[in-house]
Amino acid sequence: MKCDNCGGDSSPGASFCQYCGATLVWKSVEELSREQTFAKIRASQQFQQALSSARIVKLPKIHGIQKAMVTIAPLMILLVAVPMLFIPLVMGGIFAVVGFSSRSPWGGLLGIVPLIAIPVPLIAIGVGIYLFKNLRSNMNKMENAPVHTEPVIAVAKRTHISGGGGDHSASTHYYVTFELEDAERREFPVWDGRMYGRIAEQDAGVLFLRDKFAVDFDRVAITL
């Protein structure tokens, strides 16, 4: 940055000019034009080295616990739902036997009553299979999809909490909206909550994408 008082160049982050001692005023992203901001991101060392093998290998990995949960959660649903599917069938048989033994012309229809509950475990089984396939697919994309980088400015953050009712644990989902170089604003799901915590609104930097997921972010200090 050039000092407004003497014109000398000072190192990034300095508070005072090293030549004349004047206070340096650093301009923020809001004070620069979009073109200037994105030009500085592209010219930064972070952007130039973003797709290097040394940087790619440092991208966050999915932890073993997360992988286990992707398998365990749907499996628990299936373990509960599959036995529940047989209960209406067994009860229907018992009711039918009792109905026929009563010699009533409508007695056999009692066996139909428990069968009304069959759609409930069927829906649960369908949900378990869908969750397993969907979560496994997303995890595979997070780990193996090609890495794409974008110069961006963070403009908004939000979280979404699901579950947590009764005996169920709550899950927190993280989202960040970034402004891209073409002025489009897009919201990306963030898998790693630690990355979400490192980003502040108006941060400029390099966004690492795999498929639709934001997997990492390198902040770039924007100065004149």
C-alpha atoms as a PDB file:
ATOM      1  CA  MET A   1       0.000   0.000   0.000  1.00  0.00           C
ATOM      2  CA  LYS A   2       1.198   3.521  -0.815  1.00  0.00           C
ATOM      3  CA  CYS A   3       1.268   6.103   1.955  1.00  0.00           C
ATOM      4  CA  ASP A   4      -1.022   9.082   1.230  1.00  0.00           C
ATOM      5  CA  ASN A   5       1.488  11.386   2.949  1.00  0.00           C
ATOM      6  CA  CYS A   6       4.844  10.465   1.358  1.00  0.00           C
ATOM      7  CA  GLY A   7       3.964   7.941  -1.336  1.00  0.00           C
ATOM      8  CA  GLY A   8       6.154   5.224   0.151  1.00  0.00           C
ATOM      9  CA  ASP A   9       5.229   1.532  -0.122  1.00  0.00           C
ATOM     10  CA  SER A  10       4.455  -0.218   3.146  1.00  0.00           C
ATOM     11  CA  SER A  11       4.119  -3.918   3.856  1.00  0.00           C
ATOM     12  CA  PRO A  12       0.612  -5.426   4.031  1.00  0.00           C
ATOM     13  CA  GLY A  13      -1.013  -5.114   7.453  1.00  0.00           C
ATOM     14  CA  ALA A  14       1.236  -2.222   8.650  1.00  0.00           C
ATOM     15  CA  SER A  15      -0.469   0.483  10.733  1.00  0.00           C
ATOM     16  CA  PHE A  16       2.117   3.207  10.150  1.00  0.00           C
ATOM     17  CA  CYS A  17       4.246   4.217   7.189  1.00  0.00           C
ATOM     18  CA  GLN A  18       7.791   2.904   7.623  1.00  0.00           C
ATOM     19  CA  TYR A  19       9.182   6.027   5.952  1.00  0.00           C
ATOM     20  CA  CYS A  20       7.313   8.997   7.437  1.00  0.00           C
ATOM     21  CA  GLY A  21       5.391   7.440  10.330  1.00  0.00           C
ATOM     22  CA  ALA A  22       1.974   8.561   9.053  1.00  0.00           C
ATOM     23  CA  THR A  23      -1.062   6.458   9.925  1.00  0.00           C
ATOM     24  CA  LEU A  24      -2.027   4.146   7.078  1.00  0.00           C
ATOM     25  CA  VAL A  25      -5.686   3.795   6.107  1.00  0.00           C
ATOM     26  CA  TRP A  26      -6.437   0.423   4.572  1.00  0.00           C
ATOM     27  CA  LYS A  27      -9.449   0.218   2.347  1.00  0.00           C
ATOM     28  CA  SER A  28     -11.909  -2.645   2.824  1.00  0.00           C
ATOM     29  CA  VAL A  29     -13.708  -4.680   0.205  1.00  0.00           C
ATOM     30  CA  GLU A  30     -16.702  -2.336   0.464  1.00  0.00           C
ATOM     31  CA  GLU A  31     -14.542   0.663  -0.527  1.00  0.00           C
ATOM     32  CA  LEU A  32     -13.063  -0.991  -3.618  1.00  0.00           C
ATOM     33  CA  SER A  33     -14.893  -1.580  -6.859  1.00  0.00           C
ATOM     34  CA  ARG A  34     -15.929  -5.152  -7.632  1.00  0.00           C
ATOM     35  CA  GLU A  35     -13.470  -5.210 -10.522  1.00  0.00           C
ATOM     36  CA  GLN A  36     -10.599  -4.166  -8.257  1.00  0.00           C
ATOM     37  CA  THR A  37     -11.523  -6.725  -5.594  1.00  0.00           C
ATOM     38  CA  PHE A  38     -11.753  -9.664  -7.972  1.00  0.00           C
ATOM     39  CA  ALA A  39      -8.606  -8.592  -9.809  1.00  0.00           C
ATOM     40  CA  LYS A  40      -6.710  -8.647  -6.508  1.00  0.00           C
ATOM     41  CA  ILE A  41      -8.094 -12.092  -5.657  1.00  0.00           C
ATOM     42  CA  ARG A  42      -6.941 -13.472  -9.013  1.00  0.00           C
ATOM     43  CA  ALA A  43      -3.521 -11.863  -8.573  1.00  0.00           C
ATOM     44  CA  SER A  44      -3.099 -13.304  -5.068  1.00  0.00           C
ATOM     45  CA  GLN A  45      -0.758 -16.152  -4.212  1.00  0.00           C
ATOM     46  CA  GLN A  46      -3.720 -18.098  -2.804  1.00  0.00           C
ATOM     47  CA  PHE A  47      -5.500 -18.078  -6.168  1.00  0.00           C
ATOM     48  CA  GLN A  48      -2.361 -18.774  -8.203  1.00  0.00           C
ATOM     49  CA  GLN A  49      -1.568 -21.864  -6.139  1.00  0.00           C
ATOM     50  CA  ALA A  50      -5.159 -22.995  -5.510  1.00  0.00           C
ATOM     51  CA  LEU A  51      -5.059 -26.000  -7.845  1.00  0.00           C
ATOM     52  CA  SER A  52      -1.528 -27.097  -7.007  1.00  0.00           C
ATOM     53  CA  SER A  53      -1.145 -30.651  -5.728  1.00  0.00           C
ATOM     54  CA  ALA A  54       0.271 -29.307  -2.460  1.00  0.00           C
ATOM     55  CA  ARG A  55      -2.907 -27.299  -1.840  1.00  0.00           C
ATOM     56  CA  ILE A  56      -5.393 -29.918  -3.045  1.00  0.00           C
ATOM     57  CA  VAL A  57      -4.021 -32.514  -0.634  1.00  0.00           C
ATOM     58  CA  LYS A  58      -4.796 -30.135   2.261  1.00  0.00           C
ATOM     59  CA  LEU A  59      -8.525 -29.958   1.483  1.00  0.00           C
ATOM     60  CA  PRO A  60     -10.634 -31.162   4.444  1.00  0.00           C
ATOM     61  CA  LYS A  61     -11.411 -34.867   4.502  1.00  0.00           C
ATOM     62  CA  ILE A  62     -14.609 -36.533   5.687  1.00  0.00           C
ATOM     63  CA  HIS A  63     -13.942 -38.004   9.105  1.00  0.00           C
ATOM     64  CA  GLY A  64     -14.448 -41.669   9.908  1.00  0.00           C
ATOM     65  CA  ILE A  65     -17.221 -40.798  12.394  1.00  0.00           C
ATOM     66  CA  GLN A  66     -19.118 -38.913   9.681  1.00  0.00           C
ATOM     67  CA  LYS A  67     -18.774 -41.874   7.322  1.00  0.00           C
ATOM     68  CA  ALA A  68     -20.009 -44.226  10.014  1.00  0.00           C
ATOM     69  CA  MET A  69     -23.047 -42.053  10.735  1.00  0.00           C
ATOM     70  CA  VAL A  70     -23.973 -42.051   7.049  1.00  0.00           C
ATOM     71  CA  THR A  71     -24.286 -45.835   7.277  1.00  0.00           C
ATOM     72  CA  ILE A  72     -25.595 -46.222  10.826  1.00  0.00           C
ATOM     73  CA  ALA A  73     -28.497 -43.731  10.685  1.00  0.00           C
ATOM     74  CA  PRO A  74     -30.322 -45.314   7.688  1.00  0.00           C
ATOM     75  CA  LEU A  75     -29.477 -48.792   9.003  1.00  0.00           C
ATOM     76  CA  MET A  76     -31.160 -48.048  12.331  1.00  0.00           C
ATOM     77  CA  ILE A  77     -34.298 -46.943  10.483  1.00  0.00           C
ATOM     78  CA  LEU A  78     -34.324 -50.191   8.497  1.00  0.00           C
ATOM     79  CA  LEU A  79     -33.713 -52.327  11.606  1.00  0.00           C
ATOM     80  CA  VAL A  80     -36.800 -50.807  13.206  1.00  0.00           C
ATOM     81  CA  ALA A  81     -39.004 -50.656  10.101  1.00  0.00           C
ATOM     82  CA  VAL A  82     -38.479 -54.181   8.717  1.00  0.00           C
ATOM     83  CA  PRO A  83     -39.756 -56.000  11.848  1.00  0.00           C
ATOM     84  CA  MET A  84     -42.665 -53.550  11.993  1.00  0.00           C
ATOM     85  CA  LEU A  85     -43.649 -54.706   8.511  1.00  0.00           C
ATOM     86  CA  PHE A  86     -44.287 -58.254   9.753  1.00  0.00           C
ATOM     87  CA  ILE A  87     -46.368 -57.240  12.783  1.00  0.00           C
ATOM     88  CA  PRO A  88     -49.488 -56.273  10.743  1.00  0.00           C
ATOM     89  CA  LEU A  89     -49.121 -59.492   8.705  1.00  0.00           C
ATOM     90  CA  VAL A  90     -48.957 -61.687  11.814  1.00  0.00           C
ATOM     91  CA  MET A  91     -51.780 -59.797  13.498  1.00  0.00           C
ATOM     92  CA  GLY A  92     -53.849 -60.024  10.324  1.00  0.00           C
ATOM     93  CA  GLY A  93     -53.443 -63.800  10.317  1.00  0.00           C
ATOM     94  CA  ILE A  94     -54.441 -64.070  13.964  1.00  0.00           C
ATOM     95  CA  PHE A  95     -57.479 -61.822  13.474  1.00  0.00           C
ATOM     96  CA  ALA A  96     -58.504 -63.835  10.408  1.00  0.00           C
ATOM     97  CA  VAL A  97     -58.323 -67.153  12.300  1.00  0.00           C
ATOM     98  CA  VAL A  98     -60.344 -65.697  15.187  1.00  0.00           C
ATOM     99  CA  GLY A  99     -62.878 -64.255  12.743  1.00  0.00           C
ATOM    100  CA  PHE A 100     -63.391 -67.492  10.869  1.00  0.00           C
ATOM    101  CA  SER A 101     -63.712 -69.459  14.093  1.00  0.00           C
ATOM    102  CA  SER A 102     -66.535 -67.176  15.161  1.00  0.00           C
ATOM    103  CA  ARG A 103     -68.574 -68.472  12.193  1.00  0.00           C
ATOM    104  CA  SER A 104     -69.702 -64.922  11.488  1.00  0.00           C
ATOM    105  CA  PRO A 105     -70.100 -64.125   7.749  1.00  0.00           C
ATOM    106  CA  TRP A 106     -67.961 -61.029   8.330  1.00  0.00           C
ATOM    107  CA  GLY A 107     -65.516 -62.632  10.736  1.00  0.00           C
ATOM    108  CA  GLY A 108     -62.802 -63.212   8.149  1.00  0.00           C
ATOM    109  CA  LEU A 109     -62.717 -59.503   7.376  1.00  0.00           C
ATOM    110  CA  LEU A 110     -61.144 -58.900  10.787  1.00  0.00           C
ATOM    111  CA  GLY A 111     -57.859 -60.021   9.256  1.00  0.00           C
ATOM    112  CA  ILE A 112     -57.882 -56.958   7.015  1.00  0.00           C
ATOM    113  CA  VAL A 113     -57.878 -54.454   9.879  1.00  0.00           C
ATOM    114  CA  PRO A 114     -54.193 -54.855  10.915  1.00  0.00           C
ATOM    115  CA  LEU A 115     -53.116 -54.677   7.273  1.00  0.00           C
ATOM    116  CA  ILE A 116     -54.129 -51.000   7.214  1.00  0.00           C
ATOM    117  CA  ALA A 117     -50.901 -50.266   9.147  1.00  0.00           C
ATOM    118  CA  ILE A 118     -48.619 -51.801   6.494  1.00  0.00           C
ATOM    119  CA  PRO A 119     -47.942 -48.492   4.637  1.00  0.00           C
ATOM    120  CA  VAL A 120     -46.264 -47.042   7.761  1.00  0.00           C
ATOM    121  CA  PRO A 121     -43.247 -49.412   7.857  1.00  0.00           C
ATOM    122  CA  LEU A 122     -43.108 -49.416   4.048  1.00  0.00           C
ATOM    123  CA  ILE A 123     -42.696 -45.632   4.069  1.00  0.00           C
ATOM    124  CA  ALA A 124     -40.030 -45.917   6.794  1.00  0.00           C
ATOM    125  CA  ILE A 125     -38.123 -48.497   4.728  1.00  0.00           C
ATOM    126  CA  GLY A 126     -38.315 -46.236   1.681  1.00  0.00           C
ATOM    127  CA  VAL A 127     -36.992 -43.280   3.718  1.00  0.00           C
ATOM    128  CA  GLY A 128     -34.113 -45.379   5.065  1.00  0.00           C
ATOM    129  CA  ILE A 129     -33.093 -46.544   1.577  1.00  0.00           C
ATOM    130  CA  TYR A 130     -33.368 -43.000   0.189  1.00  0.00           C
ATOM    131  CA  LEU A 131     -31.259 -41.536   3.015  1.00  0.00           C
ATOM    132  CA  PHE A 132     -28.579 -44.172   2.591  1.00  0.00           C
ATOM    133  CA  LYS A 133     -28.300 -43.677  -1.179  1.00  0.00           C
ATOM    134  CA  ASN A 134     -28.494 -39.867  -0.973  1.00  0.00           C
ATOM    135  CA  LEU A 135     -25.954 -39.500   1.835  1.00  0.00           C
ATOM    136  CA  ARG A 136     -23.536 -41.962   0.244  1.00  0.00           C
ATOM    137  CA  SER A 137     -23.826 -40.144  -3.093  1.00  0.00           C
ATOM    138  CA  ASN A 138     -23.142 -36.742  -1.496  1.00  0.00           C
ATOM    139  CA  MET A 139     -20.203 -38.123   0.458  1.00  0.00           C
ATOM    140  CA  ASN A 140     -18.732 -39.654  -2.686  1.00  0.00           C
ATOM    141  CA  LYS A 141     -19.014 -36.303  -4.487  1.00  0.00           C
ATOM    142  CA  MET A 142     -17.398 -34.545  -1.531  1.00  0.00           C
ATOM    143  CA  GLU A 143     -14.410 -36.883  -1.661  1.00  0.00           C
ATOM    144  CA  ASN A 144     -13.959 -37.635  -5.365  1.00  0.00           C
ATOM    145  CA  ALA A 145     -15.553 -34.921  -7.534  1.00  0.00           C
ATOM    146  CA  PRO A 146     -13.105 -32.685  -9.460  1.00  0.00           C
ATOM    147  CA  VAL A 147     -11.999 -29.581  -7.567  1.00  0.00           C
ATOM    148  CA  HIS A 148     -13.079 -26.232  -8.995  1.00  0.00           C
ATOM    149  CA  THR A 149     -11.998 -22.825  -7.667  1.00  0.00           C
ATOM    150  CA  GLU A 150     -13.725 -19.452  -7.834  1.00  0.00           C
ATOM    151  CA  PRO A 151     -12.741 -15.941  -6.712  1.00  0.00           C
ATOM    152  CA  VAL A 152     -15.585 -14.905  -4.409  1.00  0.00           C
ATOM    153  CA  ILE A 153     -16.858 -12.515  -1.763  1.00  0.00           C
ATOM    154  CA  ALA A 154     -18.875 -13.945   1.148  1.00  0.00           C
ATOM    155  CA  VAL A 155     -22.137 -12.023   1.480  1.00  0.00           C
ATOM    156  CA  ALA A 156     -24.305 -14.071   3.873  1.00  0.00           C
ATOM    157  CA  LYS A 157     -24.244 -17.055   6.245  1.00  0.00           C
ATOM    158  CA  ARG A 158     -26.983 -19.185   7.733  1.00  0.00           C
ATOM    159  CA  THR A 159     -27.546 -22.437   9.588  1.00  0.00           C
ATOM    160  CA  HIS A 160     -30.455 -24.863   9.493  1.00  0.00           C
ATOM    161  CA  ILE A 161     -31.145 -27.178  12.438  1.00  0.00           C
ATOM    162  CA  SER A 162     -33.135 -30.332  11.814  1.00  0.00           C
ATOM    163  CA  GLY A 163     -34.310 -32.990  14.235  1.00  0.00           C
ATOM    164  CA  GLY A 164     -33.859 -32.629  17.949  1.00  0.00           C
ATOM    165  CA  GLY A 165     -37.415 -33.611  18.890  1.00  0.00           C
ATOM    166  CA  GLY A 166     -38.011 -36.186  21.586  1.00  0.00           C
ATOM    167  CA  ASP A 167     -35.051 -38.552  21.897  1.00  0.00           C
ATOM    168  CA  HIS A 168     -33.555 -37.616  18.552  1.00  0.00           C
ATOM    169  CA  SER A 169     -30.346 -35.583  18.315  1.00  0.00           C
ATOM    170  CA  ALA A 170     -30.324 -32.370  16.296  1.00  0.00           C
ATOM    171  CA  SER A 171     -28.264 -31.913  13.130  1.00  0.00           C
ATOM    172  CA  THR A 172     -26.881 -28.540  12.078  1.00  0.00           C
ATOM    173  CA  HIS A 173     -26.477 -27.742   8.389  1.00  0.00           C
ATOM    174  CA  TYR A 174     -24.295 -24.833   7.259  1.00  0.00           C
ATOM    175  CA  TYR A 175     -24.748 -22.575   4.222  1.00  0.00           C
ATOM    176  CA  VAL A 176     -22.780 -19.591   2.864  1.00  0.00           C
ATOM    177  CA  THR A 177     -23.840 -17.283   0.046  1.00  0.00           C
ATOM    178  CA  PHE A 178     -20.989 -16.041  -2.145  1.00  0.00           C
ATOM    179  CA  GLU A 179     -20.912 -13.376  -4.830  1.00  0.00           C
ATOM    180  CA  LEU A 180     -19.117 -14.640  -7.924  1.00  0.00           C
ATOM    181  CA  GLU A 181     -17.094 -12.642 -10.408  1.00  0.00           C
ATOM    182  CA  ASP A 182     -20.033 -12.384 -12.823  1.00  0.00           C
ATOM    183  CA  ALA A 183     -22.116 -10.755 -10.022  1.00  0.00           C
ATOM    184  CA  GLU A 184     -24.210 -13.891  -9.527  1.00  0.00           C
ATOM    185  CA  ARG A 185     -24.898 -14.799  -5.903  1.00  0.00           C
ATOM    186  CA  ARG A 186     -25.088 -18.492  -5.051  1.00  0.00           C
ATOM    187  CA  GLU A 187     -25.628 -20.320  -1.800  1.00  0.00           C
ATOM    188  CA  PHE A 188     -23.467 -23.387  -1.187  1.00  0.00           C
ATOM    189  CA  PRO A 189     -23.836 -26.064   1.475  1.00  0.00           C
ATOM    190  CA  VAL A 190     -20.756 -26.313   3.681  1.00  0.00           C
ATOM    191  CA  TRP A 191     -19.931 -29.821   4.928  1.00  0.00           C
ATOM    192  CA  ASP A 192     -17.338 -28.764   7.509  1.00  0.00           C
ATOM    193  CA  GLY A 193     -18.593 -26.530  10.336  1.00  0.00           C
ATOM    194  CA  ARG A 194     -15.027 -25.367  11.039  1.00  0.00           C
ATOM    195  CA  MET A 195     -14.833 -23.809   7.589  1.00  0.00           C
ATOM    196  CA  TYR A 196     -18.161 -22.085   8.231  1.00  0.00           C
ATOM    197  CA  GLY A 197     -16.738 -20.590  11.416  1.00  0.00           C
ATOM    198  CA  ARG A 198     -13.658 -19.225   9.605  1.00  0.00           C
ATOM    199  CA  ILE A 199     -15.717 -17.208   7.120  1.00  0.00           C
ATOM    200  CA  ALA A 200     -17.050 -13.745   7.900  1.00  0.00           C
ATOM    201  CA  GLU A 201     -19.399 -11.733   5.724  1.00  0.00           C
ATOM    202  CA  GLN A 202     -17.507  -9.543   3.217  1.00  0.00           C
ATOM    203  CA  ASP A 203     -14.479 -11.845   3.296  1.00  0.00           C
ATOM    204  CA  ALA A 204     -12.852 -12.022  -0.134  1.00  0.00           C
ATOM    205  CA  GLY A 205     -10.952 -15.079  -1.203  1.00  0.00           C
ATOM    206  CA  VAL A 206     -10.722 -18.348  -3.088  1.00  0.00           C
ATOM    207  CA  LEU A 207     -13.578 -20.841  -2.814  1.00  0.00           C
ATOM    208  CA  PHE A 208     -12.884 -24.541  -3.377  1.00  0.00           C
ATOM    209  CA  LEU A 209     -15.835 -26.461  -4.798  1.00  0.00           C
ATOM    210  CA  ARG A 210     -16.540 -30.136  -5.314  1.00  0.00           C
ATOM    211  CA  ASP A 211     -19.794 -30.627  -7.182  1.00  0.00           C
ATOM    212  CA  LYS A 212     -22.313 -28.396  -5.326  1.00  0.00           C
ATOM    213  CA  PHE A 213     -20.393 -28.347  -2.024  1.00  0.00           C
ATOM    214  CA  ALA A 214     -18.080 -25.657  -0.677  1.00  0.00           C
ATOM    215  CA  VAL A 215     -15.189 -27.689   0.745  1.00  0.00           C
ATOM    216  CA  ASP A 216     -12.655 -24.991   1.671  1.00  0.00           C
ATOM    217  CA  PHE A 217     -11.961 -21.266   1.574  1.00  0.00           C
ATOM    218  CA  ASP A 218      -8.712 -19.269   1.485  1.00  0.00           C
ATOM    219  CA  ARG A 219      -9.169 -15.691   2.637  1.00  0.00           C
ATOM    220  CA  VAL A 220      -7.309 -13.017   0.662  1.00  0.00           C
ATOM    221  CA  ALA A 221      -6.413  -9.738   2.387  1.00  0.00           C
ATOM    222  CA  ILE A 222      -7.559  -6.951   0.066  1.00  0.00           C
ATOM    223  CA  THR A 223      -5.392  -3.840   0.321  1.00  0.00           C
ATOM    224  CA  LEU A 224      -4.324  -1.001  -1.956  1.00  0.00           C
END
